[in-house]
């Protein structure tokens, strides 16, 4: 009998219950998944919840559909899609995401300072200008913010980091907009503090100073988190 163990949304709980059955070996690769009705009864949820959970698992490559036969566990049940844990906007989860960015993006900035070329610097400059021009339009400023950090990712010359950045940006889109709004509430004329942080980071990368670039990235991410009411732990 399947059991729900986590106090998340119903769909997330059903997804995790099915994944647990797969991980335990009780649902083997290429075996048939119980029907929607059977799962709904075992888990005491509606069929619509089960249907949504199954759709997510199919999108992640965990389940496959066989026409007329139902859903089956794939040959690679670990799935083919990376997905963050469902945070539902909790600050504790957002803090963990910022901490992860701290570990990754400081190194990326350091590498970008070593590998950047003229095109990379031009993209960073264009994004900085857009942030300045649209500083009162928080949504547009947040998009320019994303473009600036993507230019740094591209300057690392590592396609895997660029792909990870592109995935991460959708997770942080609302957080970036909120950070610009919070900063603007405290400062006349918009997010001047964020602009200074971005400019310092750009200058360090342009100068090819790896240590300074990493330090500027660290300072910027900590300040960005603080604008959301988060205090990131220091790294000894």
C-alpha atoms as a PDB file:
ATOM      1  CA  UNK A   1       0.000   0.000   0.000  1.00  0.00           C
ATOM      2  CA  UNK A   2       1.318   3.425  -0.981  1.00  0.00           C
ATOM      3  CA  UNK A   3       1.566   6.031   1.780  1.00  0.00           C
ATOM      4  CA  UNK A   4       1.772   9.801   1.670  1.00  0.00           C
ATOM      5  CA  UNK A   5       4.577  11.088   3.875  1.00  0.00           C
ATOM      6  CA  UNK A   6       5.323  14.740   3.045  1.00  0.00           C
ATOM      7  CA  UNK A   7       3.127  17.739   3.963  1.00  0.00           C
ATOM      8  CA  UNK A   8       3.406  19.392   0.550  1.00  0.00           C
ATOM      9  CA  UNK A   9       0.679  19.985  -2.040  1.00  0.00           C
ATOM     10  CA  UNK A  10      -1.348  16.909  -2.971  1.00  0.00           C
ATOM     11  CA  UNK A  11       0.154  16.645  -6.441  1.00  0.00           C
ATOM     12  CA  UNK A  12       3.704  16.830  -5.070  1.00  0.00           C
ATOM     13  CA  UNK A  13       2.853  14.230  -2.442  1.00  0.00           C
ATOM     14  CA  UNK A  14       1.477  11.842  -5.067  1.00  0.00           C
ATOM     15  CA  UNK A  15       4.551  12.381  -7.252  1.00  0.00           C
ATOM     16  CA  UNK A  16       6.822  11.593  -4.306  1.00  0.00           C
ATOM     17  CA  UNK A  17       4.789   8.545  -3.296  1.00  0.00           C
ATOM     18  CA  UNK A  18       5.115   7.064  -6.791  1.00  0.00           C
ATOM     19  CA  UNK A  19       8.823   7.920  -6.922  1.00  0.00           C
ATOM     20  CA  UNK A  20       9.306   6.186  -3.556  1.00  0.00           C
ATOM     21  CA  UNK A  21       7.667   3.036  -4.917  1.00  0.00           C
ATOM     22  CA  UNK A  22      10.015   3.138  -7.916  1.00  0.00           C
ATOM     23  CA  UNK A  23      13.099   3.799  -5.790  1.00  0.00           C
ATOM     24  CA  UNK A  24      12.224   0.917  -3.466  1.00  0.00           C
ATOM     25  CA  UNK A  25      11.924  -1.490  -6.396  1.00  0.00           C
ATOM     26  CA  UNK A  26       8.228  -2.196  -5.759  1.00  0.00           C
ATOM     27  CA  UNK A  27       7.542  -0.591  -9.148  1.00  0.00           C
ATOM     28  CA  UNK A  28      10.222  -1.949 -11.478  1.00  0.00           C
ATOM     29  CA  UNK A  29      11.397  -0.385 -14.758  1.00  0.00           C
ATOM     30  CA  UNK A  30       8.992  -1.138 -17.615  1.00  0.00           C
ATOM     31  CA  UNK A  31       6.292  -2.387 -15.216  1.00  0.00           C
ATOM     32  CA  UNK A  32       2.758  -1.067 -15.492  1.00  0.00           C
ATOM     33  CA  UNK A  33       1.662   1.726 -13.145  1.00  0.00           C
ATOM     34  CA  UNK A  34      -1.602   1.099 -11.242  1.00  0.00           C
ATOM     35  CA  UNK A  35      -4.597   2.794 -12.821  1.00  0.00           C
ATOM     36  CA  UNK A  36      -5.661   6.308 -11.899  1.00  0.00           C
ATOM     37  CA  UNK A  37      -8.616   4.895  -9.985  1.00  0.00           C
ATOM     38  CA  UNK A  38      -6.433   2.445  -8.036  1.00  0.00           C
ATOM     39  CA  UNK A  39      -3.929   5.171  -7.123  1.00  0.00           C
ATOM     40  CA  UNK A  40      -6.696   7.587  -6.140  1.00  0.00           C
ATOM     41  CA  UNK A  41      -8.174   4.983  -3.785  1.00  0.00           C
ATOM     42  CA  UNK A  42      -4.835   3.952  -2.284  1.00  0.00           C
ATOM     43  CA  UNK A  43      -3.709   7.532  -1.705  1.00  0.00           C
ATOM     44  CA  UNK A  44      -7.140   8.919  -0.801  1.00  0.00           C
ATOM     45  CA  UNK A  45      -6.999  11.737  -3.344  1.00  0.00           C
ATOM     46  CA  UNK A  46      -9.064  12.647  -6.377  1.00  0.00           C
ATOM     47  CA  UNK A  47      -8.369  11.207  -9.820  1.00  0.00           C
ATOM     48  CA  UNK A  48      -7.625  14.735 -11.083  1.00  0.00           C
ATOM     49  CA  UNK A  49      -4.752  15.008  -8.568  1.00  0.00           C
ATOM     50  CA  UNK A  50      -3.410  11.617  -9.672  1.00  0.00           C
ATOM     51  CA  UNK A  51      -3.769  12.618 -13.323  1.00  0.00           C
ATOM     52  CA  UNK A  52      -1.746  15.815 -12.768  1.00  0.00           C
ATOM     53  CA  UNK A  53       0.958  13.906 -10.873  1.00  0.00           C
ATOM     54  CA  UNK A  54       1.221  11.336 -13.661  1.00  0.00           C
ATOM     55  CA  UNK A  55       1.464  14.124 -16.247  1.00  0.00           C
ATOM     56  CA  UNK A  56       4.405  15.643 -14.316  1.00  0.00           C
ATOM     57  CA  UNK A  57       6.152  12.267 -14.073  1.00  0.00           C
ATOM     58  CA  UNK A  58       5.699  11.759 -17.810  1.00  0.00           C
ATOM     59  CA  UNK A  59       7.129  15.205 -18.505  1.00  0.00           C
ATOM     60  CA  UNK A  60      10.119  14.308 -16.314  1.00  0.00           C
ATOM     61  CA  UNK A  61      10.708  11.065 -18.212  1.00  0.00           C
ATOM     62  CA  UNK A  62       9.840   8.847 -15.232  1.00  0.00           C
ATOM     63  CA  UNK A  63       6.708   7.392 -16.842  1.00  0.00           C
ATOM     64  CA  UNK A  64       5.844   6.614 -20.438  1.00  0.00           C
ATOM     65  CA  UNK A  65       2.419   6.160 -22.024  1.00  0.00           C
ATOM     66  CA  UNK A  66       1.563   3.136 -24.118  1.00  0.00           C
ATOM     67  CA  UNK A  67      -1.496   3.674 -26.257  1.00  0.00           C
ATOM     68  CA  UNK A  68      -4.419   1.665 -24.960  1.00  0.00           C
ATOM     69  CA  UNK A  69      -2.346   0.062 -22.223  1.00  0.00           C
ATOM     70  CA  UNK A  70      -1.854   2.836 -19.665  1.00  0.00           C
ATOM     71  CA  UNK A  71       1.273   4.280 -18.035  1.00  0.00           C
ATOM     72  CA  UNK A  72       4.496   2.355 -17.546  1.00  0.00           C
ATOM     73  CA  UNK A  73       7.693   2.970 -15.608  1.00  0.00           C
ATOM     74  CA  UNK A  74      10.413   4.012 -18.060  1.00  0.00           C
ATOM     75  CA  UNK A  75      13.669   2.151 -18.597  1.00  0.00           C
ATOM     76  CA  UNK A  76      15.386   5.093 -16.866  1.00  0.00           C
ATOM     77  CA  UNK A  77      13.041   5.741 -13.924  1.00  0.00           C
ATOM     78  CA  UNK A  78      15.340   8.356 -12.393  1.00  0.00           C
ATOM     79  CA  UNK A  79      13.949  10.590 -15.128  1.00  0.00           C
ATOM     80  CA  UNK A  80      15.526  12.907 -17.648  1.00  0.00           C
ATOM     81  CA  UNK A  81      14.541  16.299 -16.183  1.00  0.00           C
ATOM     82  CA  UNK A  82      16.027  18.189 -13.240  1.00  0.00           C
ATOM     83  CA  UNK A  83      13.416  19.811 -11.027  1.00  0.00           C
ATOM     84  CA  UNK A  84      13.839  21.841  -7.839  1.00  0.00           C
ATOM     85  CA  UNK A  85      11.953  20.734  -4.721  1.00  0.00           C
ATOM     86  CA  UNK A  86       8.543  22.383  -4.511  1.00  0.00           C
ATOM     87  CA  UNK A  87       9.158  25.356  -2.231  1.00  0.00           C
ATOM     88  CA  UNK A  88       5.732  27.040  -2.571  1.00  0.00           C
ATOM     89  CA  UNK A  89       7.459  30.392  -1.978  1.00  0.00           C
ATOM     90  CA  UNK A  90       8.751  29.661   1.519  1.00  0.00           C
ATOM     91  CA  UNK A  91      11.629  31.951   2.510  1.00  0.00           C
ATOM     92  CA  UNK A  92      13.645  29.053   3.932  1.00  0.00           C
ATOM     93  CA  UNK A  93      13.633  27.361   0.520  1.00  0.00           C
ATOM     94  CA  UNK A  94      14.469  30.605  -1.274  1.00  0.00           C
ATOM     95  CA  UNK A  95      17.410  31.042   1.102  1.00  0.00           C
ATOM     96  CA  UNK A  96      18.716  27.606   0.120  1.00  0.00           C
ATOM     97  CA  UNK A  97      18.406  28.520  -3.542  1.00  0.00           C
ATOM     98  CA  UNK A  98      20.387  31.729  -2.962  1.00  0.00           C
ATOM     99  CA  UNK A  99      23.015  29.764  -1.054  1.00  0.00           C
ATOM    100  CA  UNK A 100      23.348  27.397  -4.005  1.00  0.00           C
ATOM    101  CA  UNK A 101      23.737  30.397  -6.331  1.00  0.00           C
ATOM    102  CA  UNK A 102      26.419  31.747  -4.001  1.00  0.00           C
ATOM    103  CA  UNK A 103      28.476  28.571  -4.391  1.00  0.00           C
ATOM    104  CA  UNK A 104      28.047  28.399  -8.172  1.00  0.00           C
ATOM    105  CA  UNK A 105      27.991  31.996  -9.372  1.00  0.00           C
ATOM    106  CA  UNK A 106      31.042  33.174  -7.465  1.00  0.00           C
ATOM    107  CA  UNK A 107      33.062  30.511  -9.272  1.00  0.00           C
ATOM    108  CA  UNK A 108      31.418  31.376 -12.584  1.00  0.00           C
ATOM    109  CA  UNK A 109      32.341  35.046 -12.146  1.00  0.00           C
ATOM    110  CA  UNK A 110      35.923  34.060 -11.394  1.00  0.00           C
ATOM    111  CA  UNK A 111      36.128  31.907 -14.518  1.00  0.00           C
ATOM    112  CA  UNK A 112      34.392  34.579 -16.615  1.00  0.00           C
ATOM    113  CA  UNK A 113      37.086  37.079 -15.599  1.00  0.00           C
ATOM    114  CA  UNK A 114      39.657  34.719 -17.104  1.00  0.00           C
ATOM    115  CA  UNK A 115      37.787  33.651 -20.251  1.00  0.00           C
ATOM    116  CA  UNK A 116      35.635  36.659 -21.240  1.00  0.00           C
ATOM    117  CA  UNK A 117      36.033  38.194 -24.674  1.00  0.00           C
ATOM    118  CA  UNK A 118      34.914  41.464 -26.252  1.00  0.00           C
ATOM    119  CA  UNK A 119      31.475  40.108 -27.209  1.00  0.00           C
ATOM    120  CA  UNK A 120      30.852  38.942 -23.642  1.00  0.00           C
ATOM    121  CA  UNK A 121      31.738  42.351 -22.244  1.00  0.00           C
ATOM    122  CA  UNK A 122      29.508  44.055 -24.800  1.00  0.00           C
ATOM    123  CA  UNK A 123      26.541  41.897 -23.748  1.00  0.00           C
ATOM    124  CA  UNK A 124      27.181  42.736 -20.090  1.00  0.00           C
ATOM    125  CA  UNK A 125      27.389  46.450 -20.882  1.00  0.00           C
ATOM    126  CA  UNK A 126      24.136  46.325 -22.873  1.00  0.00           C
ATOM    127  CA  UNK A 127      22.360  44.624 -19.976  1.00  0.00           C
ATOM    128  CA  UNK A 128      23.708  47.181 -17.500  1.00  0.00           C
ATOM    129  CA  UNK A 129      22.484  50.017 -19.706  1.00  0.00           C
ATOM    130  CA  UNK A 130      19.064  48.399 -19.992  1.00  0.00           C
ATOM    131  CA  UNK A 131      18.865  48.036 -16.200  1.00  0.00           C
ATOM    132  CA  UNK A 132      19.678  51.732 -15.854  1.00  0.00           C
ATOM    133  CA  UNK A 133      17.213  52.851 -18.533  1.00  0.00           C
ATOM    134  CA  UNK A 134      14.372  50.679 -17.159  1.00  0.00           C
ATOM    135  CA  UNK A 135      15.156  51.073 -13.458  1.00  0.00           C
ATOM    136  CA  UNK A 136      11.617  52.315 -12.737  1.00  0.00           C
ATOM    137  CA  UNK A 137      10.054  49.440 -14.695  1.00  0.00           C
ATOM    138  CA  UNK A 138      10.698  46.594 -12.274  1.00  0.00           C
ATOM    139  CA  UNK A 139       9.704  43.804 -14.638  1.00  0.00           C
ATOM    140  CA  UNK A 140      11.927  45.113 -17.456  1.00  0.00           C
ATOM    141  CA  UNK A 141      14.777  45.772 -15.018  1.00  0.00           C
ATOM    142  CA  UNK A 142      14.510  42.204 -13.718  1.00  0.00           C
ATOM    143  CA  UNK A 143      14.748  40.859 -17.286  1.00  0.00           C
ATOM    144  CA  UNK A 144      17.865  42.959 -17.888  1.00  0.00           C
ATOM    145  CA  UNK A 145      19.229  41.614 -14.601  1.00  0.00           C
ATOM    146  CA  UNK A 146      18.756  38.075 -15.972  1.00  0.00           C
ATOM    147  CA  UNK A 147      20.485  39.064 -19.229  1.00  0.00           C
ATOM    148  CA  UNK A 148      23.484  40.399 -17.310  1.00  0.00           C
ATOM    149  CA  UNK A 149      23.944  37.198 -15.335  1.00  0.00           C
ATOM    150  CA  UNK A 150      23.447  35.116 -18.472  1.00  0.00           C
ATOM    151  CA  UNK A 151      26.219  37.082 -20.179  1.00  0.00           C
ATOM    152  CA  UNK A 152      28.491  36.114 -17.275  1.00  0.00           C
ATOM    153  CA  UNK A 153      27.449  32.488 -17.708  1.00  0.00           C
ATOM    154  CA  UNK A 154      28.270  32.691 -21.411  1.00  0.00           C
ATOM    155  CA  UNK A 155      31.647  34.247 -20.603  1.00  0.00           C
ATOM    156  CA  UNK A 156      32.523  31.135 -18.588  1.00  0.00           C
ATOM    157  CA  UNK A 157      32.557  29.254 -21.939  1.00  0.00           C
ATOM    158  CA  UNK A 158      30.851  26.302 -20.276  1.00  0.00           C
ATOM    159  CA  UNK A 159      27.660  25.231 -22.038  1.00  0.00           C
ATOM    160  CA  UNK A 160      26.489  23.236 -19.011  1.00  0.00           C
ATOM    161  CA  UNK A 161      26.570  26.295 -16.794  1.00  0.00           C
ATOM    162  CA  UNK A 162      24.669  28.345 -19.401  1.00  0.00           C
ATOM    163  CA  UNK A 163      21.986  25.637 -19.575  1.00  0.00           C
ATOM    164  CA  UNK A 164      21.743  25.517 -15.771  1.00  0.00           C
ATOM    165  CA  UNK A 165      21.457  29.311 -15.618  1.00  0.00           C
ATOM    166  CA  UNK A 166      18.613  29.223 -18.146  1.00  0.00           C
ATOM    167  CA  UNK A 167      16.791  26.695 -15.981  1.00  0.00           C
ATOM    168  CA  UNK A 168      17.426  28.630 -12.787  1.00  0.00           C
ATOM    169  CA  UNK A 169      16.270  31.988 -14.136  1.00  0.00           C
ATOM    170  CA  UNK A 170      12.631  30.849 -14.368  1.00  0.00           C
ATOM    171  CA  UNK A 171      12.804  29.809 -10.715  1.00  0.00           C
ATOM    172  CA  UNK A 172      14.046  33.252  -9.644  1.00  0.00           C
ATOM    173  CA  UNK A 173      12.090  35.542 -11.971  1.00  0.00           C
ATOM    174  CA  UNK A 174       9.618  36.690  -9.313  1.00  0.00           C
ATOM    175  CA  UNK A 175      12.335  36.950  -6.665  1.00  0.00           C
ATOM    176  CA  UNK A 176      14.389  39.300  -8.848  1.00  0.00           C
ATOM    177  CA  UNK A 177      11.362  41.527  -9.488  1.00  0.00           C
ATOM    178  CA  UNK A 178      10.589  41.630  -5.759  1.00  0.00           C
ATOM    179  CA  UNK A 179      14.200  42.529  -4.974  1.00  0.00           C
ATOM    180  CA  UNK A 180      14.069  45.502  -7.379  1.00  0.00           C
ATOM    181  CA  UNK A 181      10.766  46.642  -5.867  1.00  0.00           C
ATOM    182  CA  UNK A 182      12.043  46.341  -2.298  1.00  0.00           C
ATOM    183  CA  UNK A 183      15.195  48.273  -3.149  1.00  0.00           C
ATOM    184  CA  UNK A 184      13.226  51.009  -4.887  1.00  0.00           C
ATOM    185  CA  UNK A 185      11.042  51.457  -1.803  1.00  0.00           C
ATOM    186  CA  UNK A 186      14.147  52.258   0.233  1.00  0.00           C
ATOM    187  CA  UNK A 187      16.005  54.383  -2.281  1.00  0.00           C
ATOM    188  CA  UNK A 188      14.916  57.471  -4.188  1.00  0.00           C
ATOM    189  CA  UNK A 189      15.377  56.986  -7.935  1.00  0.00           C
ATOM    190  CA  UNK A 190      15.257  53.201  -8.005  1.00  0.00           C
ATOM    191  CA  UNK A 191      17.627  50.359  -7.253  1.00  0.00           C
ATOM    192  CA  UNK A 192      20.895  52.274  -7.002  1.00  0.00           C
ATOM    193  CA  UNK A 193      22.496  49.707  -4.721  1.00  0.00           C
ATOM    194  CA  UNK A 194      21.910  46.842  -7.157  1.00  0.00           C
ATOM    195  CA  UNK A 195      23.254  48.978 -10.005  1.00  0.00           C
ATOM    196  CA  UNK A 196      26.483  49.654  -8.106  1.00  0.00           C
ATOM    197  CA  UNK A 197      26.903  45.949  -7.331  1.00  0.00           C
ATOM    198  CA  UNK A 198      26.423  44.990 -10.973  1.00  0.00           C
ATOM    199  CA  UNK A 199      28.833  47.666 -12.130  1.00  0.00           C
ATOM    200  CA  UNK A 200      31.526  46.539  -9.688  1.00  0.00           C
ATOM    201  CA  UNK A 201      31.094  42.939 -10.842  1.00  0.00           C
ATOM    202  CA  UNK A 202      31.362  43.979 -14.476  1.00  0.00           C
ATOM    203  CA  UNK A 203      34.508  46.012 -13.873  1.00  0.00           C
ATOM    204  CA  UNK A 204      36.203  43.122 -12.075  1.00  0.00           C
ATOM    205  CA  UNK A 205      35.404  40.747 -14.939  1.00  0.00           C
ATOM    206  CA  UNK A 206      36.485  43.300 -17.542  1.00  0.00           C
ATOM    207  CA  UNK A 207      39.778  43.776 -15.657  1.00  0.00           C
ATOM    208  CA  UNK A 208      40.364  40.030 -15.636  1.00  0.00           C
ATOM    209  CA  UNK A 209      40.614  40.020 -11.844  1.00  0.00           C
ATOM    210  CA  UNK A 210      39.339  36.591 -10.813  1.00  0.00           C
ATOM    211  CA  UNK A 211      39.544  37.144  -7.068  1.00  0.00           C
ATOM    212  CA  UNK A 212      37.778  40.485  -7.213  1.00  0.00           C
ATOM    213  CA  UNK A 213      35.098  39.107  -9.560  1.00  0.00           C
ATOM    214  CA  UNK A 214      34.330  36.287  -7.136  1.00  0.00           C
ATOM    215  CA  UNK A 215      34.210  38.752  -4.244  1.00  0.00           C
ATOM    216  CA  UNK A 216      31.875  41.086  -6.115  1.00  0.00           C
ATOM    217  CA  UNK A 217      29.569  38.206  -7.047  1.00  0.00           C
ATOM    218  CA  UNK A 218      29.502  37.110  -3.410  1.00  0.00           C
ATOM    219  CA  UNK A 219      28.689  40.625  -2.200  1.00  0.00           C
ATOM    220  CA  UNK A 220      25.983  41.099  -4.842  1.00  0.00           C
ATOM    221  CA  UNK A 221      24.212  37.822  -4.084  1.00  0.00           C
ATOM    222  CA  UNK A 222      24.269  38.469  -0.346  1.00  0.00           C
ATOM    223  CA  UNK A 223      22.871  41.959  -0.881  1.00  0.00           C
ATOM    224  CA  UNK A 224      20.209  40.627  -3.279  1.00  0.00           C
ATOM    225  CA  UNK A 225      19.137  38.084  -0.679  1.00  0.00           C
ATOM    226  CA  UNK A 226      19.026  40.799   1.973  1.00  0.00           C
ATOM    227  CA  UNK A 227      16.696  42.863  -0.211  1.00  0.00           C
ATOM    228  CA  UNK A 228      14.310  39.897   0.079  1.00  0.00           C
ATOM    229  CA  UNK A 229      14.707  39.748   3.844  1.00  0.00           C
ATOM    230  CA  UNK A 230      17.168  36.831   3.756  1.00  0.00           C
ATOM    231  CA  UNK A 231      20.497  36.575   5.552  1.00  0.00           C
ATOM    232  CA  UNK A 232      22.888  34.093   3.932  1.00  0.00           C
ATOM    233  CA  UNK A 233      25.383  32.213   6.138  1.00  0.00           C
ATOM    234  CA  UNK A 234      29.045  33.150   5.910  1.00  0.00           C
ATOM    235  CA  UNK A 235      31.421  30.688   4.327  1.00  0.00           C
ATOM    236  CA  UNK A 236      34.440  29.937   6.507  1.00  0.00           C
END
